[in-house]
Amino acid sequence: MKTRKDAISFCLKFDNTYEDYPFRDKNWTLMRHKENNKVFAWIFEKDEHIWINVKCESGLLDLWRQMYASVVPAYHLNKDHWNSIILDGTIPEEEIYKMISDSYHLTKAK
């Protein structure tokens, strides 16, 4: 996964999701649940890479950051609940998919 389009396409594979552009700054794409409108992925470009903010369980937050230099405390979000994934080619795709999937499930209506 390298592009915004790749990230959006993957996120849209989850049930009842949609992409949203709620800000005047079109750099920000939000991936939301249809049933509760909660965001599970914030997709944006920064420093010439696509970044994806994802929600994480507290026990995995630091683990992901320790495993990959390209997983950092979330840009513009609560760093105690969210990580940023920098799509620079250093994180295996399966791991990126896992982090996005976890965020989807953590933000889904109960």
Protein backbone atom coordinates (compact mmCIF):
# COMPACT_ATOMS: atom_id res chain seq x y z
CA MET A 1 0.00 0.00 0.00
CA LYS A 2 1.57 3.24 -1.14
CA THR A 3 -1.07 5.67 -2.36
CA ARG A 4 -4.12 7.44 -1.00
CA LYS A 5 -6.19 5.52 -3.55
CA ASP A 6 -4.80 2.19 -2.24
CA ALA A 7 -5.69 3.16 1.34
CA ILE A 8 -9.20 4.33 0.44
CA SER A 9 -9.87 1.21 -1.64
CA PHE A 10 -8.81 -1.05 1.21
CA CYS A 11 -10.95 0.83 3.74
CA LEU A 12 -14.01 0.64 1.49
CA LYS A 13 -13.80 -3.18 1.57
CA PHE A 14 -15.17 -3.10 5.11
CA ASP A 15 -18.95 -3.29 5.55
CA ASN A 16 -20.97 -0.06 5.67
CA THR A 17 -18.13 2.42 5.20
CA TYR A 18 -17.72 5.59 3.19
CA GLU A 19 -15.11 8.24 2.46
CA ASP A 20 -15.64 11.80 3.64
CA TYR A 21 -13.97 15.17 2.99
CA PRO A 22 -15.36 17.36 5.79
CA PHE A 23 -12.62 20.00 5.88
CA ARG A 24 -11.77 22.86 3.57
CA ASP A 25 -8.34 21.24 3.26
CA LYS A 26 -8.90 18.48 0.66
CA ASN A 27 -5.68 16.78 1.84
CA TRP A 28 -7.73 15.02 4.53
CA THR A 29 -9.78 11.94 3.63
CA LEU A 30 -11.77 10.41 6.50
CA MET A 31 -13.02 6.84 6.33
CA ARG A 32 -16.20 6.44 8.37
CA HIS A 33 -18.79 3.91 9.48
CA LYS A 34 -22.23 4.54 7.95
CA GLU A 35 -24.12 3.47 11.08
CA ASN A 36 -22.40 5.80 13.58
CA ASN A 37 -20.30 8.17 11.40
CA LYS A 38 -17.22 7.44 13.52
CA VAL A 39 -13.88 7.75 11.76
CA PHE A 40 -11.65 4.68 11.65
CA ALA A 41 -8.95 6.02 9.31
CA TRP A 42 -7.66 9.53 8.64
CA ILE A 43 -5.72 9.57 5.35
CA PHE A 44 -3.50 12.52 4.42
CA GLU A 45 -0.22 13.48 2.79
CA LYS A 46 2.63 14.83 4.90
CA ASP A 47 6.36 15.03 4.18
CA GLU A 48 5.90 13.50 0.72
CA HIS A 49 4.27 10.30 2.06
CA ILE A 50 0.71 9.18 2.64
CA TRP A 51 -0.08 8.81 6.35
CA ILE A 52 -3.00 6.93 7.90
CA ASN A 53 -4.15 7.62 11.45
CA VAL A 54 -5.69 4.54 13.07
CA LYS A 55 -7.15 3.83 16.49
CA CYS A 56 -5.31 1.19 18.54
CA GLU A 57 -5.89 -0.79 21.68
CA SER A 58 -3.77 0.65 24.46
CA GLY A 59 -1.73 -2.56 24.79
CA LEU A 60 -0.76 -2.48 21.10
CA LEU A 61 -0.16 1.24 20.74
CA ASP A 62 3.46 1.21 21.88
CA LEU A 63 4.14 -2.25 20.46
CA TRP A 64 3.45 -1.03 16.90
CA ARG A 65 5.62 2.04 17.54
CA GLN A 66 8.48 -0.13 18.78
CA MET A 67 8.21 -2.59 15.90
CA TYR A 68 8.23 0.00 13.11
CA ALA A 69 9.90 3.40 12.94
CA SER A 70 7.14 4.44 10.51
CA VAL A 71 4.42 3.98 13.14
CA VAL A 72 4.40 7.08 15.29
CA PRO A 73 2.08 8.84 17.75
CA ALA A 74 -0.85 10.14 15.73
CA TYR A 75 -0.55 13.43 13.93
CA HIS A 76 -3.32 15.81 15.11
CA LEU A 77 -5.09 13.19 17.26
CA ASN A 78 -4.97 11.84 20.80
CA LYS A 79 -1.62 10.06 21.06
CA ASP A 80 -2.95 7.75 23.82
CA HIS A 81 -5.44 6.12 21.43
CA TRP A 82 -4.24 6.72 17.87
CA ASN A 83 -1.12 5.97 15.78
CA SER A 84 0.00 7.31 12.42
CA ILE A 85 1.18 4.82 9.83
CA ILE A 86 3.61 6.39 7.35
CA LEU A 87 3.38 4.60 4.00
CA ASP A 88 7.08 4.69 3.15
CA GLY A 89 7.44 1.04 2.14
CA THR A 90 9.02 -0.15 5.40
CA ILE A 91 5.94 -1.79 6.95
CA PRO A 92 4.65 -5.09 5.51
CA GLU A 93 1.24 -4.65 3.90
CA GLU A 94 -0.29 -7.37 6.09
CA GLU A 95 0.63 -5.30 9.16
CA ILE A 96 -0.90 -2.14 7.69
CA TYR A 97 -4.09 -4.10 6.89
CA LYS A 98 -4.15 -5.43 10.47
CA MET A 99 -3.84 -1.96 12.01
CA ILE A 100 -6.60 -0.54 9.79
CA SER A 101 -8.83 -3.55 10.50
CA ASP A 102 -8.30 -3.18 14.24
CA SER A 103 -9.22 0.50 14.02
CA TYR A 104 -12.37 -0.36 12.06
CA HIS A 105 -13.47 -2.83 14.74
CA LEU A 106 -12.60 -0.51 17.65
CA THR A 107 -14.75 2.30 16.24
CA LYS A 108 -17.67 0.20 15.00
CA ALA A 109 -21.05 0.57 16.71
CA LYS A 110 -21.56 -2.01 19.41
